[in-house]
Amino acid sequence: QVQLVESGGGSVQPGGSLSLSCVASGSTFRNYALGWYRQLPGQTRELVADITWGGQTEYADSAKGRFAISRDNAKNAVYLQMNSLKPEDTAVYYCNAERRIGGRIEYWGQGTQVTVSS
């Protein structure tokens, strides 16, 4: 059973920084992209950034230049460093593991709240 356990998040003032961590277990993740999505109330979940085993990254336009995703394959962990945070970054952030080789399947963490407010 794949599990994704998130940590980090919280509240910060505009312009501040936060980091998120997610540790995956229950599988080998060589064929998975690991990433972060976010969801605002009443809206669909949207990609923030993801990263493959080989280190290829993809970012939402809103995250480019401010957020950095990284991955530690030995620990099955993915991290999101968020800088220059804006109030519109306020959302629930979800860790995601998406298998892209051998049949598509994906798993989600429980979500962690990020609030950017003065």
PDB file of N, CA and C in Angstrom:
ATOM      1  N   GLN A   1       0.845  -1.172   0.000  1.00  0.00           N
ATOM      2  CA  GLN A   1       0.000   0.000   0.000  1.00  0.00           C
ATOM      3  C   GLN A   1       0.897   1.244   0.000  1.00  0.00           C
ATOM      4  N   VAL A   2       0.734   2.051  -1.040  1.00  0.00           N
ATOM      5  CA  VAL A   2       1.533   3.271  -1.125  1.00  0.00           C
ATOM      6  C   VAL A   2       0.964   4.309  -0.166  1.00  0.00           C
ATOM      7  N   GLN A   3       1.844   4.929   0.560  1.00  0.00           N
ATOM      8  CA  GLN A   3       1.457   6.014   1.458  1.00  0.00           C
ATOM      9  C   GLN A   3       2.368   7.200   1.235  1.00  0.00           C
ATOM     10  N   LEU A   4       1.789   8.376   1.314  1.00  0.00           N
ATOM     11  CA  LEU A   4       2.534   9.621   1.186  1.00  0.00           C
ATOM     12  C   LEU A   4       2.278  10.428   2.450  1.00  0.00           C
ATOM     13  N   VAL A   5       3.339  10.760   3.145  1.00  0.00           N
ATOM     14  CA  VAL A   5       3.213  11.491   4.407  1.00  0.00           C
ATOM     15  C   VAL A   5       3.878  12.848   4.243  1.00  0.00           C
ATOM     16  N   GLU A   6       3.078  13.879   4.378  1.00  0.00           N
ATOM     17  CA  GLU A   6       3.545  15.241   4.186  1.00  0.00           C
ATOM     18  C   GLU A   6       3.886  15.884   5.514  1.00  0.00           C
ATOM     19  N   SER A   7       4.769  16.855   5.443  1.00  0.00           N
ATOM     20  CA  SER A   7       5.067  17.688   6.600  1.00  0.00           C
ATOM     21  C   SER A   7       5.439  19.073   6.089  1.00  0.00           C
ATOM     22  N   GLY A   8       5.387  20.020   7.005  1.00  0.00           N
ATOM     23  CA  GLY A   8       5.665  21.400   6.630  1.00  0.00           C
ATOM     24  C   GLY A   8       4.369  22.158   6.458  1.00  0.00           C
ATOM     25  N   GLY A   9       4.439  23.266   5.796  1.00  0.00           N
ATOM     26  CA  GLY A   9       3.277  24.114   5.652  1.00  0.00           C
ATOM     27  C   GLY A   9       3.115  25.012   6.859  1.00  0.00           C
ATOM     28  N   GLY A  10       1.959  25.683   6.921  1.00  0.00           N
ATOM     29  CA  GLY A  10       1.702  26.595   8.018  1.00  0.00           C
ATOM     30  C   GLY A  10       1.352  27.974   7.504  1.00  0.00           C
ATOM     31  N   SER A  11       1.615  28.971   8.334  1.00  0.00           N
ATOM     32  CA  SER A  11       1.269  30.342   7.995  1.00  0.00           C
ATOM     33  C   SER A  11       2.507  31.198   7.874  1.00  0.00           C
ATOM     34  N   VAL A  12       2.473  32.126   6.938  1.00  0.00           N
ATOM     35  CA  VAL A  12       3.614  32.999   6.703  1.00  0.00           C
ATOM     36  C   VAL A  12       3.103  34.314   6.133  1.00  0.00           C
ATOM     37  N   GLN A  13       3.861  35.356   6.324  1.00  0.00           N
ATOM     38  CA  GLN A  13       3.500  36.647   5.754  1.00  0.00           C
ATOM     39  C   GLN A  13       3.898  36.711   4.281  1.00  0.00           C
ATOM     40  N   PRO A  14       3.250  37.561   3.525  1.00  0.00           N
ATOM     41  CA  PRO A  14       3.647  37.731   2.115  1.00  0.00           C
ATOM     42  C   PRO A  14       5.131  38.050   2.005  1.00  0.00           C
ATOM     43  N   GLY A  15       5.752  37.417   1.025  1.00  0.00           N
ATOM     44  CA  GLY A  15       7.189  37.569   0.838  1.00  0.00           C
ATOM     45  C   GLY A  15       8.019  36.554   1.586  1.00  0.00           C
ATOM     46  N   GLY A  16       7.386  35.807   2.454  1.00  0.00           N
ATOM     47  CA  GLY A  16       8.103  34.816   3.252  1.00  0.00           C
ATOM     48  C   GLY A  16       8.310  33.512   2.513  1.00  0.00           C
ATOM     49  N   SER A  17       8.877  32.556   3.230  1.00  0.00           N
ATOM     50  CA  SER A  17       9.208  31.256   2.657  1.00  0.00           C
ATOM     51  C   SER A  17       8.664  30.135   3.528  1.00  0.00           C
ATOM     52  N   LEU A  18       8.368  29.046   2.886  1.00  0.00           N
ATOM     53  CA  LEU A  18       7.963  27.810   3.562  1.00  0.00           C
ATOM     54  C   LEU A  18       8.517  26.638   2.769  1.00  0.00           C
ATOM     55  N   SER A  19       8.703  25.538   3.460  1.00  0.00           N
ATOM     56  CA  SER A  19       9.111  24.333   2.768  1.00  0.00           C
ATOM     57  C   SER A  19       8.178  23.190   3.120  1.00  0.00           C
ATOM     58  N   LEU A  20       7.935  22.348   2.160  1.00  0.00           N
ATOM     59  CA  LEU A  20       7.105  21.162   2.321  1.00  0.00           C
ATOM     60  C   LEU A  20       7.958  19.925   2.059  1.00  0.00           C
ATOM     61  N   SER A  21       7.655  18.872   2.792  1.00  0.00           N
ATOM     62  CA  SER A  21       8.329  17.594   2.596  1.00  0.00           C
ATOM     63  C   SER A  21       7.297  16.495   2.468  1.00  0.00           C
ATOM     64  N   CYS A  22       7.650  15.472   1.733  1.00  0.00           N
ATOM     65  CA  CYS A  22       6.763  14.319   1.567  1.00  0.00           C
ATOM     66  C   CYS A  22       7.624  13.073   1.441  1.00  0.00           C
ATOM     67  N   VAL A  23       7.306  12.081   2.249  1.00  0.00           N
ATOM     68  CA  VAL A  23       8.009  10.800   2.184  1.00  0.00           C
ATOM     69  C   VAL A  23       7.037   9.740   1.705  1.00  0.00           C
ATOM     70  N   ALA A  24       7.434   9.022   0.688  1.00  0.00           N
ATOM     71  CA  ALA A  24       6.602   7.966   0.118  1.00  0.00           C
ATOM     72  C   ALA A  24       7.080   6.599   0.595  1.00  0.00           C
ATOM     73  N   SER A  25       6.152   5.685   0.748  1.00  0.00           N
ATOM     74  CA  SER A  25       6.493   4.325   1.150  1.00  0.00           C
ATOM     75  C   SER A  25       5.543   3.350   0.493  1.00  0.00           C
ATOM     76  N   GLY A  26       5.920   2.074   0.502  1.00  0.00           N
ATOM     77  CA  GLY A  26       5.037   1.039  -0.003  1.00  0.00           C
ATOM     78  C   GLY A  26       5.303   0.614  -1.427  1.00  0.00           C
ATOM     79  N   SER A  27       6.334   1.136  -2.030  1.00  0.00           N
ATOM     80  CA  SER A  27       6.672   0.748  -3.399  1.00  0.00           C
ATOM     81  C   SER A  27       8.082   1.228  -3.693  1.00  0.00           C
ATOM     82  N   THR A  28       8.557   0.811  -4.842  1.00  0.00           N
ATOM     83  CA  THR A  28       9.754   1.458  -5.376  1.00  0.00           C
ATOM     84  C   THR A  28       9.256   2.537  -6.329  1.00  0.00           C
ATOM     85  N   PHE A  29       9.902   3.669  -6.319  1.00  0.00           N
ATOM     86  CA  PHE A  29       9.358   4.820  -7.009  1.00  0.00           C
ATOM     87  C   PHE A  29      10.167   5.230  -8.224  1.00  0.00           C
ATOM     88  N   ARG A  30      10.910   4.288  -8.757  1.00  0.00           N
ATOM     89  CA  ARG A  30      11.718   4.601  -9.933  1.00  0.00           C
ATOM     90  C   ARG A  30      10.837   5.014 -11.112  1.00  0.00           C
ATOM     91  N   ASN A  31       9.660   4.425 -11.221  1.00  0.00           N
ATOM     92  CA  ASN A  31       8.783   4.705 -12.359  1.00  0.00           C
ATOM     93  C   ASN A  31       7.750   5.798 -12.067  1.00  0.00           C
ATOM     94  N   TYR A  32       7.952   6.477 -10.949  1.00  0.00           N
ATOM     95  CA  TYR A  32       6.989   7.489 -10.530  1.00  0.00           C
ATOM     96  C   TYR A  32       7.577   8.888 -10.645  1.00  0.00           C
ATOM     97  N   ALA A  33       6.712   9.805 -11.036  1.00  0.00           N
ATOM     98  CA  ALA A  33       6.994  11.205 -10.786  1.00  0.00           C
ATOM     99  C   ALA A  33       6.416  11.548  -9.415  1.00  0.00           C
ATOM    100  N   LEU A  34       7.136  12.334  -8.662  1.00  0.00           N
ATOM    101  CA  LEU A  34       6.645  12.842  -7.373  1.00  0.00           C
ATOM    102  C   LEU A  34       6.417  14.341  -7.517  1.00  0.00           C
ATOM    103  N   GLY A  35       5.372  14.813  -6.906  1.00  0.00           N
ATOM    104  CA  GLY A  35       5.096  16.227  -7.104  1.00  0.00           C
ATOM    105  C   GLY A  35       4.172  16.808  -6.075  1.00  0.00           C
ATOM    106  N   TRP A  36       3.848  18.062  -6.301  1.00  0.00           N
ATOM    107  CA  TRP A  36       2.967  18.815  -5.419  1.00  0.00           C
ATOM    108  C   TRP A  36       1.859  19.456  -6.250  1.00  0.00           C
ATOM    109  N   TYR A  37       0.650  19.332  -5.732  1.00  0.00           N
ATOM    110  CA  TYR A  37      -0.517  19.998  -6.287  1.00  0.00           C
ATOM    111  C   TYR A  37      -1.102  20.880  -5.184  1.00  0.00           C
ATOM    112  N   ARG A  38      -1.954  21.796  -5.590  1.00  0.00           N
ATOM    113  CA  ARG A  38      -2.653  22.594  -4.586  1.00  0.00           C
ATOM    114  C   ARG A  38      -4.100  22.781  -5.006  1.00  0.00           C
ATOM    115  N   GLN A  39      -4.914  23.043  -3.996  1.00  0.00           N
ATOM    116  CA  GLN A  39      -6.345  23.188  -4.242  1.00  0.00           C
ATOM    117  C   GLN A  39      -6.889  24.311  -3.389  1.00  0.00           C
ATOM    118  N   LEU A  40      -7.543  25.257  -4.041  1.00  0.00           N
ATOM    119  CA  LEU A  40      -8.240  26.327  -3.349  1.00  0.00           C
ATOM    120  C   LEU A  40      -9.694  25.911  -3.173  1.00  0.00           C
ATOM    121  N   PRO A  41     -10.359  26.464  -2.169  1.00  0.00           N
ATOM    122  CA  PRO A  41     -11.758  26.105  -1.953  1.00  0.00           C
ATOM    123  C   PRO A  41     -12.597  26.325  -3.205  1.00  0.00           C
ATOM    124  N   GLY A  42     -13.351  25.301  -3.589  1.00  0.00           N
ATOM    125  CA  GLY A  42     -14.236  25.412  -4.737  1.00  0.00           C
ATOM    126  C   GLY A  42     -13.552  25.311  -6.080  1.00  0.00           C
ATOM    127  N   GLN A  43     -12.243  25.030  -6.063  1.00  0.00           N
ATOM    128  CA  GLN A  43     -11.524  24.943  -7.325  1.00  0.00           C
ATOM    129  C   GLN A  43     -10.925  23.558  -7.505  1.00  0.00           C
ATOM    130  N   THR A  44     -10.531  23.264  -8.733  1.00  0.00           N
ATOM    131  CA  THR A  44      -9.920  21.970  -9.003  1.00  0.00           C
ATOM    132  C   THR A  44      -8.463  21.976  -8.542  1.00  0.00           C
ATOM    133  N   ARG A  45      -7.983  20.789  -8.273  1.00  0.00           N
ATOM    134  CA  ARG A  45      -6.596  20.644  -7.857  1.00  0.00           C
ATOM    135  C   ARG A  45      -5.687  20.945  -9.051  1.00  0.00           C
ATOM    136  N   GLU A  46      -4.625  21.684  -8.817  1.00  0.00           N
ATOM    137  CA  GLU A  46      -3.741  22.081  -9.914  1.00  0.00           C
ATOM    138  C   GLU A  46      -2.294  21.729  -9.591  1.00  0.00           C
ATOM    139  N   LEU A  47      -1.567  21.425 -10.629  1.00  0.00           N
ATOM    140  CA  LEU A  47      -0.158  21.099 -10.463  1.00  0.00           C
ATOM    141  C   LEU A  47       0.616  22.335 -10.029  1.00  0.00           C
ATOM    142  N   VAL A  48       1.499  22.139  -9.067  1.00  0.00           N
ATOM    143  CA  VAL A  48       2.466  23.168  -8.696  1.00  0.00           C
ATOM    144  C   VAL A  48       3.815  22.837  -9.333  1.00  0.00           C
ATOM    145  N   ALA A  49       4.291  21.618  -9.093  1.00  0.00           N
ATOM    146  CA  ALA A  49       5.557  21.168  -9.666  1.00  0.00           C
ATOM    147  C   ALA A  49       5.660  19.666  -9.483  1.00  0.00           C
ATOM    148  N   ASP A  50       6.369  19.025 -10.402  1.00  0.00           N
ATOM    149  CA  ASP A  50       6.683  17.619 -10.196  1.00  0.00           C
ATOM    150  C   ASP A  50       8.081  17.323 -10.714  1.00  0.00           C
ATOM    151  N   ILE A  51       8.572  16.136 -10.344  1.00  0.00           N
ATOM    152  CA  ILE A  51       9.947  15.766 -10.670  1.00  0.00           C
ATOM    153  C   ILE A  51      10.015  14.261 -10.868  1.00  0.00           C
ATOM    154  N   THR A  52      10.721  13.859 -11.896  1.00  0.00           N
ATOM    155  CA  THR A  52      10.866  12.435 -12.177  1.00  0.00           C
ATOM    156  C   THR A  52      12.056  11.857 -11.412  1.00  0.00           C
ATOM    157  N   TRP A  53      12.160  10.548 -11.469  1.00  0.00           N
ATOM    158  CA  TRP A  53      13.306   9.863 -10.844  1.00  0.00           C
ATOM    159  C   TRP A  53      14.630  10.431 -11.349  1.00  0.00           C
ATOM    160  N   GLY A  54      14.673  10.738 -12.638  1.00  0.00           N
ATOM    161  CA  GLY A  54      15.885  11.255 -13.250  1.00  0.00           C
ATOM    162  C   GLY A  54      16.122  12.732 -13.019  1.00  0.00           C
ATOM    163  N   GLY A  55      15.182  13.393 -12.375  1.00  0.00           N
ATOM    164  CA  GLY A  55      15.379  14.794 -12.033  1.00  0.00           C
ATOM    165  C   GLY A  55      14.748  15.790 -12.984  1.00  0.00           C
ATOM    166  N   GLN A  56      13.974  15.295 -13.939  1.00  0.00           N
ATOM    167  CA  GLN A  56      13.293  16.222 -14.846  1.00  0.00           C
ATOM    168  C   GLN A  56      12.143  16.873 -14.104  1.00  0.00           C
ATOM    169  N   THR A  57      12.061  18.195 -14.202  1.00  0.00           N
ATOM    170  CA  THR A  57      11.056  18.929 -13.453  1.00  0.00           C
ATOM    171  C   THR A  57      10.058  19.617 -14.367  1.00  0.00           C
ATOM    172  N   GLU A  58       8.898  19.863 -13.808  1.00  0.00           N
ATOM    173  CA  GLU A  58       7.866  20.648 -14.477  1.00  0.00           C
ATOM    174  C   GLU A  58       7.255  21.572 -13.437  1.00  0.00           C
ATOM    175  N   TYR A  59       7.060  22.827 -13.808  1.00  0.00           N
ATOM    176  CA  TYR A  59       6.494  23.816 -12.897  1.00  0.00           C
ATOM    177  C   TYR A  59       5.287  24.486 -13.516  1.00  0.00           C
ATOM    178  N   ALA A  60       4.316  24.811 -12.676  1.00  0.00           N
ATOM    179  CA  ALA A  60       3.253  25.704 -13.101  1.00  0.00           C
ATOM    180  C   ALA A  60       3.857  27.091 -13.318  1.00  0.00           C
ATOM    181  N   ASP A  61       3.259  27.838 -14.210  1.00  0.00           N
ATOM    182  CA  ASP A  61       3.773  29.188 -14.469  1.00  0.00           C
ATOM    183  C   ASP A  61       3.818  30.022 -13.192  1.00  0.00           C
ATOM    184  N   SER A  62       2.839  29.826 -12.331  1.00  0.00           N
ATOM    185  CA  SER A  62       2.770  30.608 -11.092  1.00  0.00           C
ATOM    186  C   SER A  62       3.903  30.277 -10.126  1.00  0.00           C
ATOM    187  N   ALA A  63       4.531  29.113 -10.329  1.00  0.00           N
ATOM    188  CA  ALA A  63       5.595  28.678  -9.419  1.00  0.00           C
ATOM    189  C   ALA A  63       6.996  28.959  -9.949  1.00  0.00           C
ATOM    190  N   LYS A  64       7.104  29.183 -11.222  1.00  0.00           N
ATOM    191  CA  LYS A  64       8.421  29.369 -11.831  1.00  0.00           C
ATOM    192  C   LYS A  64       9.127  30.584 -11.240  1.00  0.00           C
ATOM    193  N   GLY A  65      10.369  30.382 -10.867  1.00  0.00           N
ATOM    194  CA  GLY A  65      11.174  31.461 -10.315  1.00  0.00           C
ATOM    195  C   GLY A  65      10.997  31.679  -8.832  1.00  0.00           C
ATOM    196  N   ARG A  66       9.975  31.095  -8.238  1.00  0.00           N
ATOM    197  CA  ARG A  66       9.739  31.271  -6.798  1.00  0.00           C
ATOM    198  C   ARG A  66       9.825  29.963  -6.024  1.00  0.00           C
ATOM    199  N   PHE A  67       9.406  28.885  -6.640  1.00  0.00           N
ATOM    200  CA  PHE A  67       9.385  27.583  -5.973  1.00  0.00           C
ATOM    201  C   PHE A  67      10.466  26.681  -6.571  1.00  0.00           C
ATOM    202  N   ALA A  68      10.955  25.775  -5.753  1.00  0.00           N
ATOM    203  CA  ALA A  68      11.936  24.810  -6.230  1.00  0.00           C
ATOM    204  C   ALA A  68      11.576  23.429  -5.695  1.00  0.00           C
ATOM    205  N   ILE A  69      11.452  22.476  -6.598  1.00  0.00           N
ATOM    206  CA  ILE A  69      11.165  21.103  -6.203  1.00  0.00           C
ATOM    207  C   ILE A  69      12.446  20.297  -6.275  1.00  0.00           C
ATOM    208  N   SER A  70      12.596  19.386  -5.333  1.00  0.00           N
ATOM    209  CA  SER A  70      13.757  18.503  -5.335  1.00  0.00           C
ATOM    210  C   SER A  70      13.328  17.129  -4.841  1.00  0.00           C
ATOM    211  N   ARG A  71      14.199  16.184  -5.060  1.00  0.00           N
ATOM    212  CA  ARG A  71      13.832  14.797  -4.763  1.00  0.00           C
ATOM    213  C   ARG A  71      15.067  14.053  -4.269  1.00  0.00           C
ATOM    214  N   ASP A  72      14.861  13.239  -3.260  1.00  0.00           N
ATOM    215  CA  ASP A  72      15.904  12.362  -2.741  1.00  0.00           C
ATOM    216  C   ASP A  72      15.456  10.927  -2.990  1.00  0.00           C
ATOM    217  N   ASN A  73      15.985  10.317  -4.019  1.00  0.00           N
ATOM    218  CA  ASN A  73      15.534   8.978  -4.396  1.00  0.00           C
ATOM    219  C   ASN A  73      15.864   7.926  -3.326  1.00  0.00           C
ATOM    220  N   ALA A  74      16.951   8.103  -2.628  1.00  0.00           N
ATOM    221  CA  ALA A  74      17.328   7.150  -1.583  1.00  0.00           C
ATOM    222  C   ALA A  74      16.323   7.146  -0.432  1.00  0.00           C
ATOM    223  N   LYS A  75      15.706   8.286  -0.199  1.00  0.00           N
ATOM    224  CA  LYS A  75      14.741   8.409   0.893  1.00  0.00           C
ATOM    225  C   LYS A  75      13.296   8.367   0.408  1.00  0.00           C
ATOM    226  N   ASN A  76      13.091   8.241  -0.911  1.00  0.00           N
ATOM    227  CA  ASN A  76      11.736   8.313  -1.476  1.00  0.00           C
ATOM    228  C   ASN A  76      11.031   9.573  -1.018  1.00  0.00           C
ATOM    229  N   ALA A  77      11.739  10.678  -1.066  1.00  0.00           N
ATOM    230  CA  ALA A  77      11.210  11.932  -0.561  1.00  0.00           C
ATOM    231  C   ALA A  77      11.214  13.001  -1.649  1.00  0.00           C
ATOM    232  N   VAL A  78      10.255  13.890  -1.540  1.00  0.00           N
ATOM    233  CA  VAL A  78      10.176  15.038  -2.434  1.00  0.00           C
ATOM    234  C   VAL A  78       9.959  16.278  -1.577  1.00  0.00           C
ATOM    235  N   TYR A  79      10.567  17.368  -2.007  1.00  0.00           N
ATOM    236  CA  TYR A  79      10.535  18.599  -1.240  1.00  0.00           C
ATOM    237  C   TYR A  79      10.083  19.748  -2.131  1.00  0.00           C
ATOM    238  N   LEU A  80       9.454  20.722  -1.514  1.00  0.00           N
ATOM    239  CA  LEU A  80       9.068  21.923  -2.238  1.00  0.00           C
ATOM    240  C   LEU A  80       9.487  23.128  -1.401  1.00  0.00           C
ATOM    241  N   GLN A  81      10.424  23.887  -1.910  1.00  0.00           N
ATOM    242  CA  GLN A  81      10.844  25.125  -1.269  1.00  0.00           C
ATOM    243  C   GLN A  81      10.078  26.267  -1.928  1.00  0.00           C
ATOM    244  N   MET A  82       9.334  26.993  -1.125  1.00  0.00           N
ATOM    245  CA  MET A  82       8.496  28.072  -1.642  1.00  0.00           C
ATOM    246  C   MET A  82       9.003  29.400  -1.106  1.00  0.00           C
ATOM    247  N   ASN A  83       9.398  30.264  -2.007  1.00  0.00           N
ATOM    248  CA  ASN A  83       9.913  31.586  -1.647  1.00  0.00           C
ATOM    249  C   ASN A  83       9.020  32.669  -2.231  1.00  0.00           C
ATOM    250  N   SER A  84       9.185  33.862  -1.712  1.00  0.00           N
ATOM    251  CA  SER A  84       8.409  35.009  -2.207  1.00  0.00           C
ATOM    252  C   SER A  84       6.927  34.687  -2.271  1.00  0.00           C
ATOM    253  N   LEU A  85       6.424  34.131  -1.201  1.00  0.00           N
ATOM    254  CA  LEU A  85       5.032  33.681  -1.187  1.00  0.00           C
ATOM    255  C   LEU A  85       4.069  34.851  -1.269  1.00  0.00           C
ATOM    256  N   LYS A  86       2.941  34.585  -1.921  1.00  0.00           N
ATOM    257  CA  LYS A  86       1.899  35.588  -2.139  1.00  0.00           C
ATOM    258  C   LYS A  86       0.597  35.090  -1.520  1.00  0.00           C
ATOM    259  N   PRO A  87      -0.302  36.004  -1.204  1.00  0.00           N
ATOM    260  CA  PRO A  87      -1.599  35.555  -0.657  1.00  0.00           C
ATOM    261  C   PRO A  87      -2.309  34.556  -1.569  1.00  0.00           C
ATOM    262  N   GLU A  88      -2.136  34.703  -2.861  1.00  0.00           N
ATOM    263  CA  GLU A  88      -2.796  33.773  -3.783  1.00  0.00           C
ATOM    264  C   GLU A  88      -2.185  32.376  -3.784  1.00  0.00           C
ATOM    265  N   ASP A  89      -1.089  32.195  -3.078  1.00  0.00           N
ATOM    266  CA  ASP A  89      -0.527  30.853  -2.891  1.00  0.00           C
ATOM    267  C   ASP A  89      -1.240  30.099  -1.775  1.00  0.00           C
ATOM    268  N   THR A  90      -2.104  30.761  -1.067  1.00  0.00           N
ATOM    269  CA  THR A  90      -2.846  30.115   0.008  1.00  0.00           C
ATOM    270  C   THR A  90      -3.712  28.997  -0.545  1.00  0.00           C
ATOM    271  N   ALA A  91      -3.513  27.802  -0.022  1.00  0.00           N
ATOM    272  CA  ALA A  91      -4.232  26.617  -0.526  1.00  0.00           C
ATOM    273  C   ALA A  91      -3.861  25.432   0.332  1.00  0.00           C
ATOM    274  N   VAL A  92      -4.543  24.328   0.089  1.00  0.00           N
ATOM    275  CA  VAL A  92      -4.114  23.044   0.626  1.00  0.00           C
ATOM    276  C   VAL A  92      -3.180  22.413  -0.411  1.00  0.00           C
ATOM    277  N   TYR A  93      -2.010  22.036   0.023  1.00  0.00           N
ATOM    278  CA  TYR A  93      -1.007  21.447  -0.860  1.00  0.00           C
ATOM    279  C   TYR A  93      -0.973  19.941  -0.650  1.00  0.00           C
ATOM    280  N   TYR A  94      -0.990  19.218  -1.753  1.00  0.00           N
ATOM    281  CA  TYR A  94      -1.034  17.758  -1.721  1.00  0.00           C
ATOM    282  C   TYR A  94       0.204  17.168  -2.392  1.00  0.00           C
ATOM    283  N   CYS A  95       0.780  16.215  -1.734  1.00  0.00           N
ATOM    284  CA  CYS A  95       1.845  15.431  -2.346  1.00  0.00           C
ATOM    285  C   CYS A  95       1.218  14.391  -3.276  1.00  0.00           C
ATOM    286  N   ASN A  96       1.881  14.162  -4.398  1.00  0.00           N
ATOM    287  CA  ASN A  96       1.356  13.236  -5.409  1.00  0.00           C
ATOM    288  C   ASN A  96       2.460  12.319  -5.900  1.00  0.00           C
ATOM    289  N   ALA A  97       2.119  11.061  -6.081  1.00  0.00           N
ATOM    290  CA  ALA A  97       3.018  10.101  -6.721  1.00  0.00           C
ATOM    291  C   ALA A  97       2.283   9.525  -7.914  1.00  0.00           C
ATOM    292  N   GLU A  98       2.842   9.694  -9.084  1.00  0.00           N
ATOM    293  CA  GLU A  98       2.193   9.238 -10.309  1.00  0.00           C
ATOM    294  C   GLU A  98       3.103   8.254 -11.039  1.00  0.00           C
ATOM    295  N   ARG A  99       2.633   7.026 -11.165  1.00  0.00           N
ATOM    296  CA  ARG A  99       3.402   6.046 -11.923  1.00  0.00           C
ATOM    297  C   ARG A  99       3.201   6.310 -13.406  1.00  0.00           C
ATOM    298  N   ARG A 100       4.290   6.438 -14.128  1.00  0.00           N
ATOM    299  CA  ARG A 100       4.212   6.777 -15.551  1.00  0.00           C
ATOM    300  C   ARG A 100       4.726   5.661 -16.451  1.00  0.00           C
ATOM    301  N   ILE A 101       5.304   4.634 -15.861  1.00  0.00           N
ATOM    302  CA  ILE A 101       5.778   3.487 -16.634  1.00  0.00           C
ATOM    303  C   ILE A 101       5.146   2.253 -16.036  1.00  0.00           C
ATOM    304  N   GLY A 102       4.563   1.399 -16.914  1.00  0.00           N
ATOM    305  CA  GLY A 102       3.930   0.198 -16.397  1.00  0.00           C
ATOM    306  C   GLY A 102       2.497   0.409 -15.980  1.00  0.00           C
ATOM    307  N   GLY A 103       1.846   1.392 -16.605  1.00  0.00           N
ATOM    308  CA  GLY A 103       0.448   1.645 -16.259  1.00  0.00           C
ATOM    309  C   GLY A 103       0.313   2.835 -15.343  1.00  0.00           C
ATOM    310  N   ARG A 104      -0.532   3.776 -15.752  1.00  0.00           N
ATOM    311  CA  ARG A 104      -0.662   4.993 -14.966  1.00  0.00           C
ATOM    312  C   ARG A 104      -1.515   4.747 -13.735  1.00  0.00           C
ATOM    313  N   ILE A 105      -0.991   5.181 -12.610  1.00  0.00           N
ATOM    314  CA  ILE A 105      -1.726   5.161 -11.357  1.00  0.00           C
ATOM    315  C   ILE A 105      -1.158   6.267 -10.498  1.00  0.00           C
ATOM    316  N   GLU A 106      -1.977   6.824  -9.634  1.00  0.00           N
ATOM    317  CA  GLU A 106      -1.465   7.887  -8.790  1.00  0.00           C
ATOM    318  C   GLU A 106      -2.016   7.788  -7.374  1.00  0.00           C
ATOM    319  N   TYR A 107      -1.250   8.359  -6.479  1.00  0.00           N
ATOM    320  CA  TYR A 107      -1.571   8.358  -5.055  1.00  0.00           C
ATOM    321  C   TYR A 107      -1.431   9.775  -4.530  1.00  0.00           C
ATOM    322  N   TRP A 108      -2.161  10.028  -3.436  1.00  0.00           N
ATOM    323  CA  TRP A 108      -2.183  11.361  -2.857  1.00  0.00           C
ATOM    324  C   TRP A 108      -1.887  11.327  -1.371  1.00  0.00           C
ATOM    325  N   GLY A 109      -1.230  12.377  -0.901  1.00  0.00           N
ATOM    326  CA  GLY A 109      -1.103  12.581   0.520  1.00  0.00           C
ATOM    327  C   GLY A 109      -2.374  13.187   1.084  1.00  0.00           C
ATOM    328  N   GLN A 110      -2.348  13.443   2.375  1.00  0.00           N
ATOM    329  CA  GLN A 110      -3.547  13.917   3.045  1.00  0.00           C
ATOM    330  C   GLN A 110      -3.745  15.424   2.891  1.00  0.00           C
ATOM    331  N   GLY A 111      -2.726  16.119   2.470  1.00  0.00           N
ATOM    332  CA  GLY A 111      -2.816  17.561   2.272  1.00  0.00           C
ATOM    333  C   GLY A 111      -2.314  18.330   3.480  1.00  0.00           C
ATOM    334  N   THR A 112      -1.720  19.468   3.200  1.00  0.00           N
ATOM    335  CA  THR A 112      -1.243  20.346   4.259  1.00  0.00           C
ATOM    336  C   THR A 112      -1.581  21.788   3.888  1.00  0.00           C
ATOM    337  N   GLN A 113      -2.037  22.546   4.864  1.00  0.00           N
ATOM    338  CA  GLN A 113      -2.497  23.905   4.611  1.00  0.00           C
ATOM    339  C   GLN A 113      -1.315  24.862   4.565  1.00  0.00           C
ATOM    340  N   VAL A 114      -1.319  25.703   3.552  1.00  0.00           N
ATOM    341  CA  VAL A 114      -0.378  26.819   3.462  1.00  0.00           C
ATOM    342  C   VAL A 114      -1.194  28.102   3.411  1.00  0.00           C
ATOM    343  N   THR A 115      -0.929  28.999   4.340  1.00  0.00           N
ATOM    344  CA  THR A 115      -1.657  30.257   4.409  1.00  0.00           C
ATOM    345  C   THR A 115      -0.660  31.412   4.341  1.00  0.00           C
ATOM    346  N   VAL A 116      -0.893  32.302   3.389  1.00  0.00           N
ATOM    347  CA  VAL A 116      -0.040  33.474   3.228  1.00  0.00           C
ATOM    348  C   VAL A 116      -0.896  34.707   3.492  1.00  0.00           C
ATOM    349  N   SER A 117      -0.618  35.358   4.587  1.00  0.00           N
ATOM    350  CA  SER A 117      -1.465  36.472   5.002  1.00  0.00           C
ATOM    351  C   SER A 117      -0.685  37.412   5.903  1.00  0.00           C
ATOM    352  N   SER A 118      -1.010  38.685   5.803  1.00  0.00           N
ATOM    353  CA  SER A 118      -0.389  39.656   6.694  1.00  0.00           C
ATOM    354  C   SER A 118      -1.258  39.871   7.931  1.00  0.00           C
TER     355      SER A 118
END
